[in-house]
PDB file of N, CA and C in Angstrom:
ATOM      1  N   MET A   1    -288.227 -40.116-114.705  1.00  0.00           N
ATOM      2  CA  MET A   1    -287.660 -40.395-116.007  1.00  0.00           C
ATOM      3  C   MET A   1    -287.203 -39.088-116.692  1.00  0.00           C
ATOM      4  N   ILE A   2    -288.012 -38.039-116.576  1.00  0.00           N
ATOM      5  CA  ILE A   2    -287.665 -36.754-117.174  1.00  0.00           C
ATOM      6  C   ILE A   2    -286.423 -36.186-116.488  1.00  0.00           C
ATOM      7  N   LEU A   3    -286.333 -36.343-115.178  1.00  0.00           N
ATOM      8  CA  LEU A   3    -285.171 -35.862-114.449  1.00  0.00           C
ATOM      9  C   LEU A   3    -283.903 -36.583-114.908  1.00  0.00           C
ATOM     10  N   LEU A   4    -283.996 -37.876-115.117  1.00  0.00           N
ATOM     11  CA  LEU A   4    -282.858 -38.655-115.595  1.00  0.00           C
ATOM     12  C   LEU A   4    -282.427 -38.199-116.990  1.00  0.00           C
ATOM     13  N   LEU A   5    -283.389 -37.928-117.837  1.00  0.00           N
ATOM     14  CA  LEU A   5    -283.090 -37.432-119.183  1.00  0.00           C
ATOM     15  C   LEU A   5    -282.437 -36.058-119.109  1.00  0.00           C
ATOM     16  N   LEU A   6    -282.920 -35.199-118.254  1.00  0.00           N
ATOM     17  CA  LEU A   6    -282.353 -33.869-118.072  1.00  0.00           C
ATOM     18  C   LEU A   6    -280.903 -33.950-117.574  1.00  0.00           C
ATOM     19  N   VAL A   7    -280.650 -34.839-116.616  1.00  0.00           N
ATOM     20  CA  VAL A   7    -279.293 -35.031-116.092  1.00  0.00           C
ATOM     21  C   VAL A   7    -278.365 -35.538-117.204  1.00  0.00           C
ATOM     22  N   ALA A   8    -278.848 -36.448-118.026  1.00  0.00           N
ATOM     23  CA  ALA A   8    -278.048 -36.981-119.137  1.00  0.00           C
ATOM     24  C   ALA A   8    -277.715 -35.881-120.149  1.00  0.00           C
ATOM     25  N   ILE A   9    -278.673 -35.026-120.460  1.00  0.00           N
ATOM     26  CA  ILE A   9    -278.443 -33.938-121.422  1.00  0.00           C
ATOM     27  C   ILE A   9    -277.442 -32.932-120.870  1.00  0.00           C
ATOM     28  N   VAL A  10    -277.610 -32.548-119.622  1.00  0.00           N
ATOM     29  CA  VAL A  10    -276.687 -31.587-119.007  1.00  0.00           C
ATOM     30  C   VAL A  10    -275.278 -32.192-118.913  1.00  0.00           C
ATOM     31  N   GLY A  11    -275.204 -33.461-118.544  1.00  0.00           N
ATOM     32  CA  GLY A  11    -273.902 -34.133-118.470  1.00  0.00           C
ATOM     33  C   GLY A  11    -273.218 -34.194-119.824  1.00  0.00           C
ATOM     34  N   ALA A  12    -273.979 -34.532-120.846  1.00  0.00           N
ATOM     35  CA  ALA A  12    -273.411 -34.581-122.200  1.00  0.00           C
ATOM     36  C   ALA A  12    -272.968 -33.193-122.645  1.00  0.00           C
ATOM     37  N   ALA A  13    -273.777 -32.188-122.363  1.00  0.00           N
ATOM     38  CA  ALA A  13    -273.417 -30.815-122.746  1.00  0.00           C
ATOM     39  C   ALA A  13    -272.144 -30.368-122.044  1.00  0.00           C
ATOM     40  N   TYR A  14    -271.910 -30.860-120.839  1.00  0.00           N
ATOM     41  CA  TYR A  14    -270.715 -30.475-120.089  1.00  0.00           C
ATOM     42  C   TYR A  14    -269.476 -31.240-120.557  1.00  0.00           C
ATOM     43  N   PHE A  15    -269.604 -32.540-120.812  1.00  0.00           N
ATOM     44  CA  PHE A  15    -268.437 -33.361-121.112  1.00  0.00           C
ATOM     45  C   PHE A  15    -268.104 -33.482-122.600  1.00  0.00           C
ATOM     46  N   LEU A  16    -269.046 -33.241-123.490  1.00  0.00           N
ATOM     47  CA  LEU A  16    -268.789 -33.447-124.912  1.00  0.00           C
ATOM     48  C   LEU A  16    -267.862 -32.436-125.588  1.00  0.00           C
ATOM     49  N   PRO A  17    -267.872 -31.149-125.245  1.00  0.00           N
ATOM     50  CA  PRO A  17    -266.996 -30.220-125.975  1.00  0.00           C
ATOM     51  C   PRO A  17    -265.536 -30.648-126.022  1.00  0.00           C
ATOM     52  N   SER A  18    -264.996 -31.074-124.893  1.00  0.00           N
ATOM     53  CA  SER A  18    -263.586 -31.482-124.888  1.00  0.00           C
ATOM     54  C   SER A  18    -263.377 -32.763-125.686  1.00  0.00           C
ATOM     55  N   GLN A  19    -264.382 -33.610-125.735  1.00  0.00           N
ATOM     56  CA  GLN A  19    -264.277 -34.834-126.531  1.00  0.00           C
ATOM     57  C   GLN A  19    -264.371 -34.536-128.021  1.00  0.00           C
ATOM     58  N   ILE A  20    -265.279 -33.654-128.385  1.00  0.00           N
ATOM     59  CA  ILE A  20    -265.472 -33.300-129.800  1.00  0.00           C
ATOM     60  C   ILE A  20    -264.213 -32.656-130.370  1.00  0.00           C
ATOM     61  N   GLU A  21    -263.610 -31.751-129.620  1.00  0.00           N
ATOM     62  CA  GLU A  21    -262.436 -31.026-130.105  1.00  0.00           C
ATOM     63  C   GLU A  21    -261.117 -31.708-129.733  1.00  0.00           C
ATOM     64  N   ALA A  22    -261.185 -32.841-129.042  1.00  0.00           N
ATOM     65  CA  ALA A  22    -260.000 -33.602-128.621  1.00  0.00           C
ATOM     66  C   ALA A  22    -259.029 -32.719-127.825  1.00  0.00           C
ATOM     67  N   THR A  23    -259.568 -32.052-126.819  1.00  0.00           N
ATOM     68  CA  THR A  23    -258.774 -31.196-125.949  1.00  0.00           C
ATOM     69  C   THR A  23    -258.914 -31.683-124.509  1.00  0.00           C
ATOM     70  N   PRO A  24    -258.013 -31.247-123.628  1.00  0.00           N
ATOM     71  CA  PRO A  24    -258.080 -31.724-122.244  1.00  0.00           C
ATOM     72  C   PRO A  24    -259.215 -31.129-121.405  1.00  0.00           C
ATOM     73  N   ASN A  25    -259.742 -29.966-121.812  1.00  0.00           N
ATOM     74  CA  ASN A  25    -260.825 -29.369-121.024  1.00  0.00           C
ATOM     75  C   ASN A  25    -261.725 -28.509-121.912  1.00  0.00           C
ATOM     76  N   ASN A  26    -262.816 -28.040-121.343  1.00  0.00           N
ATOM     77  CA  ASN A  26    -263.810 -27.278-122.105  1.00  0.00           C
ATOM     78  C   ASN A  26    -263.288 -25.914-122.556  1.00  0.00           C
ATOM     79  N   CYS A  27    -262.450 -25.280-121.755  1.00  0.00           N
ATOM     80  CA  CYS A  27    -261.927 -23.970-122.148  1.00  0.00           C
ATOM     81  C   CYS A  27    -261.007 -24.091-123.358  1.00  0.00           C
ATOM     82  N   ASP A  28    -260.212 -25.148-123.395  1.00  0.00           N
ATOM     83  CA  ASP A  28    -259.390 -25.385-124.584  1.00  0.00           C
ATOM     84  C   ASP A  28    -260.274 -25.739-125.784  1.00  0.00           C
ATOM     85  N   ALA A  29    -261.376 -26.430-125.537  1.00  0.00           N
ATOM     86  CA  ALA A  29    -262.290 -26.785-126.621  1.00  0.00           C
ATOM     87  C   ALA A  29    -262.924 -25.547-127.247  1.00  0.00           C
ATOM     88  N   VAL A  30    -263.375 -24.611-126.422  1.00  0.00           N
ATOM     89  CA  VAL A  30    -263.983 -23.396-126.973  1.00  0.00           C
ATOM     90  C   VAL A  30    -262.922 -22.548-127.665  1.00  0.00           C
ATOM     91  N   ASN A  31    -261.701 -22.534-127.143  1.00  0.00           N
ATOM     92  CA  ASN A  31    -260.611 -21.815-127.801  1.00  0.00           C
ATOM     93  C   ASN A  31    -260.337 -22.419-129.185  1.00  0.00           C
ATOM     94  N   THR A  32    -260.278 -23.733-129.260  1.00  0.00           N
ATOM     95  CA  THR A  32    -260.063 -24.415-130.543  1.00  0.00           C
ATOM     96  C   THR A  32    -261.191 -24.101-131.503  1.00  0.00           C
ATOM     97  N   ARG A  33    -262.402 -24.115-131.012  1.00  0.00           N
ATOM     98  CA  ARG A  33    -263.576 -23.833-131.859  1.00  0.00           C
ATOM     99  C   ARG A  33    -263.523 -22.395-132.397  1.00  0.00           C
ATOM    100  N   VAL A  34    -263.199 -21.435-131.543  1.00  0.00           N
ATOM    101  CA  VAL A  34    -263.130 -20.033-131.970  1.00  0.00           C
ATOM    102  C   VAL A  34    -262.024 -19.851-133.006  1.00  0.00           C
ATOM    103  N   ARG A  35    -260.883 -20.488-132.792  1.00  0.00           N
ATOM    104  CA  ARG A  35    -259.784 -20.385-133.760  1.00  0.00           C
ATOM    105  C   ARG A  35    -260.196 -20.972-135.110  1.00  0.00           C
ATOM    106  N   LYS A  36    -260.902 -22.112-135.088  1.00  0.00           N
ATOM    107  CA  LYS A  36    -261.366 -22.715-136.342  1.00  0.00           C
ATOM    108  C   LYS A  36    -262.343 -21.783-137.066  1.00  0.00           C
ATOM    109  N   LEU A  37    -263.243 -21.187-136.323  1.00  0.00           N
ATOM    110  CA  LEU A  37    -264.206 -20.265-136.926  1.00  0.00           C
ATOM    111  C   LEU A  37    -263.498 -19.051-137.518  1.00  0.00           C
ATOM    112  N   ALA A  38    -262.487 -18.552-136.806  1.00  0.00           N
ATOM    113  CA  ALA A  38    -261.731 -17.398-137.306  1.00  0.00           C
ATOM    114  C   ALA A  38    -260.972 -17.773-138.580  1.00  0.00           C
ATOM    115  N   GLU A  39    -260.405 -18.958-138.615  1.00  0.00           N
ATOM    116  CA  GLU A  39    -259.679 -19.391-139.810  1.00  0.00           C
ATOM    117  C   GLU A  39    -260.620 -19.547-141.008  1.00  0.00           C
ATOM    118  N   VAL A  40    -261.836 -19.994-140.761  1.00  0.00           N
ATOM    119  CA  VAL A  40    -262.829 -20.086-141.835  1.00  0.00           C
ATOM    120  C   VAL A  40    -263.130 -18.704-142.385  1.00  0.00           C
ATOM    121  N   GLU A  41    -263.282 -17.720-141.490  1.00  0.00           N
ATOM    122  CA  GLU A  41    -263.536 -16.346-141.938  1.00  0.00           C
ATOM    123  C   GLU A  41    -262.355 -15.804-142.741  1.00  0.00           C
ATOM    124  N   LEU A  42    -261.126 -16.085-142.285  1.00  0.00           N
ATOM    125  CA  LEU A  42    -259.947 -15.619-143.017  1.00  0.00           C
ATOM    126  C   LEU A  42    -259.851 -16.281-144.391  1.00  0.00           C
ATOM    127  N   ALA A  43    -260.266 -17.534-144.477  1.00  0.00           N
ATOM    128  CA  ALA A  43    -260.211 -18.247-145.760  1.00  0.00           C
ATOM    129  C   ALA A  43    -261.218 -17.698-146.766  1.00  0.00           C
ATOM    130  N   LYS A  44    -262.195 -16.937-146.294  1.00  0.00           N
ATOM    131  CA  LYS A  44    -263.202 -16.349-147.188  1.00  0.00           C
ATOM    132  C   LYS A  44    -262.680 -15.107-147.904  1.00  0.00           C
ATOM    133  N   LEU A  45    -261.422 -14.784-147.700  1.00  0.00           N
ATOM    134  CA  LEU A  45    -260.841 -13.603-148.316  1.00  0.00           C
ATOM    135  C   LEU A  45    -259.911 -14.018-149.465  1.00  0.00           C
ATOM    136  N   PRO A  46    -260.450 -14.575-150.546  1.00  0.00           N
ATOM    137  CA  PRO A  46    -259.586 -15.118-151.606  1.00  0.00           C
ATOM    138  C   PRO A  46    -258.749 -14.068-152.324  1.00  0.00           C
ATOM    139  N   ALA A  47    -259.255 -12.875-152.499  1.00  0.00           N
ATOM    140  CA  ALA A  47    -258.495 -11.847-153.209  1.00  0.00           C
ATOM    141  C   ALA A  47    -257.255 -11.455-152.411  1.00  0.00           C
ATOM    142  N   ILE A  48    -257.397 -11.376-151.115  1.00  0.00           N
ATOM    143  CA  ILE A  48    -256.266 -11.034-150.262  1.00  0.00           C
ATOM    144  C   ILE A  48    -255.293 -12.207-150.183  1.00  0.00           C
ATOM    145  N   ALA A  49    -255.838 -13.416-150.032  1.00  0.00           N
ATOM    146  CA  ALA A  49    -254.994 -14.591-149.864  1.00  0.00           C
ATOM    147  C   ALA A  49    -254.177 -14.912-151.107  1.00  0.00           C
ATOM    148  N   ALA A  50    -254.553 -14.382-152.265  1.00  0.00           N
ATOM    149  CA  ALA A  50    -253.861 -14.694-153.510  1.00  0.00           C
ATOM    150  C   ALA A  50    -252.506 -14.001-153.614  1.00  0.00           C
ATOM    151  N   THR A  51    -252.261 -12.993-152.818  1.00  0.00           N
ATOM    152  CA  THR A  51    -251.001 -12.259-152.911  1.00  0.00           C
ATOM    153  C   THR A  51    -250.082 -12.621-151.737  1.00  0.00           C
ATOM    154  N   ALA A  52    -248.790 -12.407-151.935  1.00  0.00           N
ATOM    155  CA  ALA A  52    -247.830 -12.673-150.860  1.00  0.00           C
ATOM    156  C   ALA A  52    -248.093 -11.752-149.668  1.00  0.00           C
ATOM    157  N   LYS A  53    -248.432 -10.501-149.956  1.00  0.00           N
ATOM    158  CA  LYS A  53    -248.737  -9.548-148.888  1.00  0.00           C
ATOM    159  C   LYS A  53    -249.979 -10.009-148.114  1.00  0.00           C
ATOM    160  N   GLY A  54    -250.951 -10.521-148.857  1.00  0.00           N
ATOM    161  CA  GLY A  54    -252.163 -11.039-148.225  1.00  0.00           C
ATOM    162  C   GLY A  54    -251.872 -12.238-147.337  1.00  0.00           C
ATOM    163  N   GLN A  55    -250.999 -13.127-147.802  1.00  0.00           N
ATOM    164  CA  GLN A  55    -250.612 -14.285-146.989  1.00  0.00           C
ATOM    165  C   GLN A  55    -249.927 -13.844-145.698  1.00  0.00           C
ATOM    166  N   ASN A  56    -249.079 -12.819-145.814  1.00  0.00           N
ATOM    167  CA  ASN A  56    -248.418 -12.285-144.614  1.00  0.00           C
ATOM    168  C   ASN A  56    -249.441 -11.688-143.651  1.00  0.00           C
ATOM    169  N   ALA A  57    -250.434 -10.987-144.189  1.00  0.00           N
ATOM    170  CA  ALA A  57    -251.471 -10.381-143.345  1.00  0.00           C
ATOM    171  C   ALA A  57    -252.298 -11.459-142.651  1.00  0.00           C
ATOM    172  N   ILE A  58    -252.629 -12.515-143.388  1.00  0.00           N
ATOM    173  CA  ILE A  58    -253.399 -13.613-142.791  1.00  0.00           C
ATOM    174  C   ILE A  58    -252.573 -14.309-141.711  1.00  0.00           C
ATOM    175  N   GLY A  59    -251.287 -14.515-141.974  1.00  0.00           N
ATOM    176  CA  GLY A  59    -250.409 -15.109-140.964  1.00  0.00           C
ATOM    177  C   GLY A  59    -250.333 -14.255-139.713  1.00  0.00           C
ATOM    178  N   ALA A  60    -250.244 -12.949-139.903  1.00  0.00           N
ATOM    179  CA  ALA A  60    -250.206 -12.031-138.754  1.00  0.00           C
ATOM    180  C   ALA A  60    -251.526 -12.062-137.988  1.00  0.00           C
ATOM    181  N   ALA A  61    -252.632 -12.130-138.717  1.00  0.00           N
ATOM    182  CA  ALA A  61    -253.948 -12.194-138.055  1.00  0.00           C
ATOM    183  C   ALA A  61    -254.073 -13.471-137.233  1.00  0.00           C
ATOM    184  N   LYS A  62    -253.604 -14.581-137.782  1.00  0.00           N
ATOM    185  CA  LYS A  62    -253.657 -15.848-137.034  1.00  0.00           C
ATOM    186  C   LYS A  62    -252.795 -15.769-135.779  1.00  0.00           C
ATOM    187  N   ALA A  63    -251.632 -15.133-135.891  1.00  0.00           N
ATOM    188  CA  ALA A  63    -250.746 -15.009-134.735  1.00  0.00           C
ATOM    189  C   ALA A  63    -251.364 -14.134-133.647  1.00  0.00           C
ATOM    190  N   GLN A  64    -252.225 -13.191-134.034  1.00  0.00           N
ATOM    191  CA  GLN A  64    -252.851 -12.285-133.080  1.00  0.00           C
ATOM    192  C   GLN A  64    -254.145 -12.831-132.484  1.00  0.00           C
ATOM    193  N   MET A  65    -254.568 -14.025-132.927  1.00  0.00           N
ATOM    194  CA  MET A  65    -255.793 -14.589-132.376  1.00  0.00           C
ATOM    195  C   MET A  65    -255.615 -14.788-130.876  1.00  0.00           C
ATOM    196  N   PRO A  66    -256.673 -14.547-130.128  1.00  0.00           N
ATOM    197  CA  PRO A  66    -256.563 -14.653-128.671  1.00  0.00           C
ATOM    198  C   PRO A  66    -256.293 -16.078-128.219  1.00  0.00           C
ATOM    199  N   SER A  67    -255.628 -16.194-127.087  1.00  0.00           N
ATOM    200  CA  SER A  67    -255.353 -17.504-126.512  1.00  0.00           C
ATOM    201  C   SER A  67    -256.542 -17.936-125.658  1.00  0.00           C
ATOM    202  N   GLY A  68    -256.449 -19.126-125.135  1.00  0.00           N
ATOM    203  CA  GLY A  68    -257.500 -19.636-124.261  1.00  0.00           C
ATOM    204  C   GLY A  68    -257.718 -18.774-123.041  1.00  0.00           C
ATOM    205  N   ARG A  69    -256.635 -18.123-122.560  1.00  0.00           N
ATOM    206  CA  ARG A  69    -256.778 -17.249-121.387  1.00  0.00           C
ATOM    207  C   ARG A  69    -257.719 -16.099-121.669  1.00  0.00           C
ATOM    208  N   ALA A  70    -257.634 -15.518-122.858  1.00  0.00           N
ATOM    209  CA  ALA A  70    -258.493 -14.384-123.201  1.00  0.00           C
ATOM    210  C   ALA A  70    -259.945 -14.821-123.291  1.00  0.00           C
ATOM    211  N   ILE A  71    -260.167 -15.963-123.894  1.00  0.00           N
ATOM    212  CA  ILE A  71    -261.533 -16.457-124.034  1.00  0.00           C
ATOM    213  C   ILE A  71    -262.102 -16.826-122.667  1.00  0.00           C
ATOM    214  N   THR A  72    -261.286 -17.471-121.837  1.00  0.00           N
ATOM    215  CA  THR A  72    -261.735 -17.814-120.485  1.00  0.00           C
ATOM    216  C   THR A  72    -262.023 -16.550-119.684  1.00  0.00           C
ATOM    217  N   ALA A  73    -261.188 -15.515-119.834  1.00  0.00           N
ATOM    218  CA  ALA A  73    -261.415 -14.247-119.121  1.00  0.00           C
ATOM    219  C   ALA A  73    -262.720 -13.606-119.574  1.00  0.00           C
ATOM    220  N   LEU A  74    -262.999 -13.672-120.871  1.00  0.00           N
ATOM    221  CA  LEU A  74    -264.256 -13.123-121.388  1.00  0.00           C
ATOM    222  C   LEU A  74    -265.447 -13.873-120.799  1.00  0.00           C
ATOM    223  N   ILE A  75    -265.362 -15.183-120.781  1.00  0.00           N
ATOM    224  CA  ILE A  75    -266.458 -15.997-120.243  1.00  0.00           C
ATOM    225  C   ILE A  75    -266.662 -15.698-118.760  1.00  0.00           C
ATOM    226  N   GLN A  76    -265.569 -15.590-118.005  1.00  0.00           N
ATOM    227  CA  GLN A  76    -265.688 -15.284-116.582  1.00  0.00           C
ATOM    228  C   GLN A  76    -266.246 -13.886-116.354  1.00  0.00           C
ATOM    229  N   ALA A  77    -265.913 -12.946-117.235  1.00  0.00           N
ATOM    230  CA  ALA A  77    -266.452 -11.591-117.108  1.00  0.00           C
ATOM    231  C   ALA A  77    -267.953 -11.570-117.389  1.00  0.00           C
ATOM    232  N   LYS A  78    -268.372 -12.357-118.359  1.00  0.00           N
ATOM    233  CA  LYS A  78    -269.790 -12.389-118.725  1.00  0.00           C
ATOM    234  C   LYS A  78    -270.616 -13.248-117.767  1.00  0.00           C
ATOM    235  N   LEU A  79    -269.997 -14.296-117.212  1.00  0.00           N
ATOM    236  CA  LEU A  79    -270.704 -15.224-116.325  1.00  0.00           C
ATOM    237  C   LEU A  79    -269.906 -15.415-115.033  1.00  0.00           C
ATOM    238  N   PRO A  80    -269.804 -14.377-114.189  1.00  0.00           N
ATOM    239  CA  PRO A  80    -268.927 -14.466-113.015  1.00  0.00           C
ATOM    240  C   PRO A  80    -269.350 -15.500-111.977  1.00  0.00           C
ATOM    241  N   GLN A  81    -270.612 -15.855-111.930  1.00  0.00           N
ATOM    242  CA  GLN A  81    -271.089 -16.794-110.922  1.00  0.00           C
ATOM    243  C   GLN A  81    -270.969 -18.257-111.359  1.00  0.00           C
ATOM    244  N   VAL A  82    -270.590 -18.461-112.625  1.00  0.00           N
ATOM    245  CA  VAL A  82    -270.529 -19.815-113.181  1.00  0.00           C
ATOM    246  C   VAL A  82    -269.086 -20.306-113.144  1.00  0.00           C
ATOM    247  N   PRO A  83    -268.851 -21.558-112.714  1.00  0.00           N
ATOM    248  CA  PRO A  83    -267.486 -22.092-112.749  1.00  0.00           C
ATOM    249  C   PRO A  83    -266.926 -22.038-114.174  1.00  0.00           C
ATOM    250  N   PRO A  84    -265.632 -21.758-114.325  1.00  0.00           N
ATOM    251  CA  PRO A  84    -265.055 -21.585-115.663  1.00  0.00           C
ATOM    252  C   PRO A  84    -265.323 -22.744-116.623  1.00  0.00           C
ATOM    253  N   GLU A  85    -265.187 -23.972-116.163  1.00  0.00           N
ATOM    254  CA  GLU A  85    -265.409 -25.127-117.056  1.00  0.00           C
ATOM    255  C   GLU A  85    -266.852 -25.170-117.564  1.00  0.00           C
ATOM    256  N   ALA A  86    -267.805 -24.854-116.701  1.00  0.00           N
ATOM    257  CA  ALA A  86    -269.214 -24.843-117.116  1.00  0.00           C
ATOM    258  C   ALA A  86    -269.472 -23.678-118.066  1.00  0.00           C
ATOM    259  N   GLY A  87    -268.883 -22.530-117.773  1.00  0.00           N
ATOM    260  CA  GLY A  87    -269.025 -21.372-118.663  1.00  0.00           C
ATOM    261  C   GLY A  87    -268.418 -21.644-120.029  1.00  0.00           C
ATOM    262  N   CYS A  88    -267.279 -22.315-120.046  1.00  0.00           N
ATOM    263  CA  CYS A  88    -266.636 -22.659-121.322  1.00  0.00           C
ATOM    264  C   CYS A  88    -267.491 -23.652-122.104  1.00  0.00           C
ATOM    265  N   ALA A  89    -268.110 -24.591-121.416  1.00  0.00           N
ATOM    266  CA  ALA A  89    -268.999 -25.536-122.099  1.00  0.00           C
ATOM    267  C   ALA A  89    -270.180 -24.784-122.712  1.00  0.00           C
ATOM    268  N   ALA A  90    -270.747 -23.848-121.965  1.00  0.00           N
ATOM    269  CA  ALA A  90    -271.860 -23.045-122.492  1.00  0.00           C
ATOM    270  C   ALA A  90    -271.411 -22.216-123.694  1.00  0.00           C
ATOM    271  N   ALA A  91    -270.216 -21.631-123.605  1.00  0.00           N
ATOM    272  CA  ALA A  91    -269.693 -20.835-124.722  1.00  0.00           C
ATOM    273  C   ALA A  91    -269.443 -21.714-125.944  1.00  0.00           C
ATOM    274  N   TYR A  92    -268.963 -22.922-125.728  1.00  0.00           N
ATOM    275  CA  TYR A  92    -268.736 -23.849-126.843  1.00  0.00           C
ATOM    276  C   TYR A  92    -270.041 -24.103-127.596  1.00  0.00           C
ATOM    277  N   TRP A  93    -271.091 -24.407-126.838  1.00  0.00           N
ATOM    278  CA  TRP A  93    -272.382 -24.684-127.494  1.00  0.00           C
ATOM    279  C   TRP A  93    -272.943 -23.421-128.126  1.00  0.00           C
ATOM    280  N   ALA A  94    -272.653 -22.260-127.548  1.00  0.00           N
ATOM    281  CA  ALA A  94    -273.092 -21.002-128.161  1.00  0.00           C
ATOM    282  C   ALA A  94    -272.430 -20.822-129.523  1.00  0.00           C
ATOM    283  N   THR A  95    -271.150 -21.223-129.640  1.00  0.00           N
ATOM    284  CA  THR A  95    -270.485 -21.109-130.946  1.00  0.00           C
ATOM    285  C   THR A  95    -271.043 -22.109-131.944  1.00  0.00           C
ATOM    286  N   GLN A  96    -271.619 -23.176-131.456  1.00  0.00           N
ATOM    287  CA  GLN A  96    -272.271 -24.136-132.354  1.00  0.00           C
ATOM    288  C   GLN A  96    -273.590 -23.559-132.877  1.00  0.00           C
ATOM    289  N   ILE A  97    -274.290 -22.846-132.010  1.00  0.00           N
ATOM    290  CA  ILE A  97    -275.592 -22.282-132.390  1.00  0.00           C
ATOM    291  C   ILE A  97    -275.411 -21.001-133.200  1.00  0.00           C
ATOM    292  N   TRP A  98    -274.472 -20.137-132.770  1.00  0.00           N
ATOM    293  CA  TRP A  98    -274.186 -18.863-133.451  1.00  0.00           C
ATOM    294  C   TRP A  98    -272.738 -18.858-133.919  1.00  0.00           C
ATOM    295  N   PRO A  99    -272.442 -19.483-135.050  1.00  0.00           N
ATOM    296  CA  PRO A  99    -271.045 -19.623-135.479  1.00  0.00           C
ATOM    297  C   PRO A  99    -270.432 -18.390-136.132  1.00  0.00           C
ATOM    298  N   ASP A 100    -271.149 -17.278-136.234  1.00  0.00           N
ATOM    299  CA  ASP A 100    -270.605 -16.086-136.870  1.00  0.00           C
ATOM    300  C   ASP A 100    -269.597 -15.414-135.932  1.00  0.00           C
ATOM    301  N   ILE A 101    -268.325 -15.685-136.147  1.00  0.00           N
ATOM    302  CA  ILE A 101    -267.269 -15.185-135.282  1.00  0.00           C
ATOM    303  C   ILE A 101    -267.168 -13.664-135.317  1.00  0.00           C
ATOM    304  N   ARG A 102    -267.641 -13.045-136.388  1.00  0.00           N
ATOM    305  CA  ARG A 102    -267.563 -11.588-136.484  1.00  0.00           C
ATOM    306  C   ARG A 102    -268.335 -10.913-135.357  1.00  0.00           C
ATOM    307  N   SER A 103    -269.399 -11.534-134.870  1.00  0.00           N
ATOM    308  CA  SER A 103    -270.152 -10.939-133.766  1.00  0.00           C
ATOM    309  C   SER A 103    -269.442 -11.147-132.431  1.00  0.00           C
ATOM    310  N   TRP A 104    -268.573 -12.134-132.351  1.00  0.00           N
ATOM    311  CA  TRP A 104    -267.843 -12.420-131.123  1.00  0.00           C
ATOM    312  C   TRP A 104    -266.535 -11.643-131.040  1.00  0.00           C
ATOM    313  N   ALA A 105    -265.939 -11.317-132.167  1.00  0.00           N
ATOM    314  CA  ALA A 105    -264.584 -10.768-132.207  1.00  0.00           C
ATOM    315  C   ALA A 105    -264.367  -9.533-131.321  1.00  0.00           C
ATOM    316  N   PRO A 106    -265.236  -8.533-131.327  1.00  0.00           N
ATOM    317  CA  PRO A 106    -264.971  -7.350-130.482  1.00  0.00           C
ATOM    318  C   PRO A 106    -264.865  -7.691-129.002  1.00  0.00           C
ATOM    319  N   ALA A 107    -265.711  -8.572-128.513  1.00  0.00           N
ATOM    320  CA  ALA A 107    -265.671  -8.927-127.099  1.00  0.00           C
ATOM    321  C   ALA A 107    -264.425  -9.740-126.783  1.00  0.00           C
ATOM    322  N   ILE A 108    -264.029 -10.624-127.678  1.00  0.00           N
ATOM    323  CA  ILE A 108    -262.839 -11.440-127.445  1.00  0.00           C
ATOM    324  C   ILE A 108    -261.599 -10.552-127.421  1.00  0.00           C
ATOM    325  N   LEU A 109    -261.499  -9.633-128.382  1.00  0.00           N
ATOM    326  CA  LEU A 109    -260.338  -8.756-128.421  1.00  0.00           C
ATOM    327  C   LEU A 109    -260.275  -7.828-127.219  1.00  0.00           C
ATOM    328  N   ALA A 110    -261.423  -7.385-126.725  1.00  0.00           N
ATOM    329  CA  ALA A 110    -261.455  -6.502-125.563  1.00  0.00           C
ATOM    330  C   ALA A 110    -261.009  -7.243-124.300  1.00  0.00           C
ATOM    331  N   ALA A 111    -261.247  -8.549-124.236  1.00  0.00           N
ATOM    332  CA  ALA A 111    -260.892  -9.323-123.046  1.00  0.00           C
ATOM    333  C   ALA A 111    -259.469  -9.854-123.095  1.00  0.00           C
ATOM    334  N   ARG A 112    -258.778  -9.609-124.197  1.00  0.00           N
ATOM    335  CA  ARG A 112    -257.425 -10.139-124.386  1.00  0.00           C
ATOM    336  C   ARG A 112    -256.463  -9.541-123.367  1.00  0.00           C
ATOM    337  N   PRO A 113    -255.707 -10.390-122.654  1.00  0.00           N
ATOM    338  CA  PRO A 113    -254.749  -9.868-121.684  1.00  0.00           C
ATOM    339  C   PRO A 113    -253.630  -9.086-122.358  1.00  0.00           C
ATOM    340  N   ALA A 114    -253.156  -8.060-121.692  1.00  0.00           N
ATOM    341  CA  ALA A 114    -252.052  -7.259-122.252  1.00  0.00           C
ATOM    342  C   ALA A 114    -250.756  -8.059-122.196  1.00  0.00           C
ATOM    343  N   GLY A 115    -249.914  -7.823-123.189  1.00  0.00           N
ATOM    344  CA  GLY A 115    -248.596  -8.455-123.157  1.00  0.00           C
ATOM    345  C   GLY A 115    -248.426  -9.504-124.101  1.00  0.00           C
TER     346      GLY A 115
END
């Protein structure tokens, strides 16, 4: 019975991220989650957002947010032995537990592909 419960929990942890974020796969789900967290952080800057220059800066920051490839590359670099979809599912749940994107940002930016 415990084994069945464990299998159900692991299965849900693997399949739910893409369902929660309405994306085709877990890597897109974690990318969507990271972008949402980053947008929340940007929205916390009311003094900057009140000016036209601030709006332009926020727009530029959003445009520079990493794509799913960068996040997937980071996950593969950190968890090379884990299949990408499983690593992305783990990263998704990590963002649920530790939603402070500021601690993630340096690693995400470092893994960003050139170009």
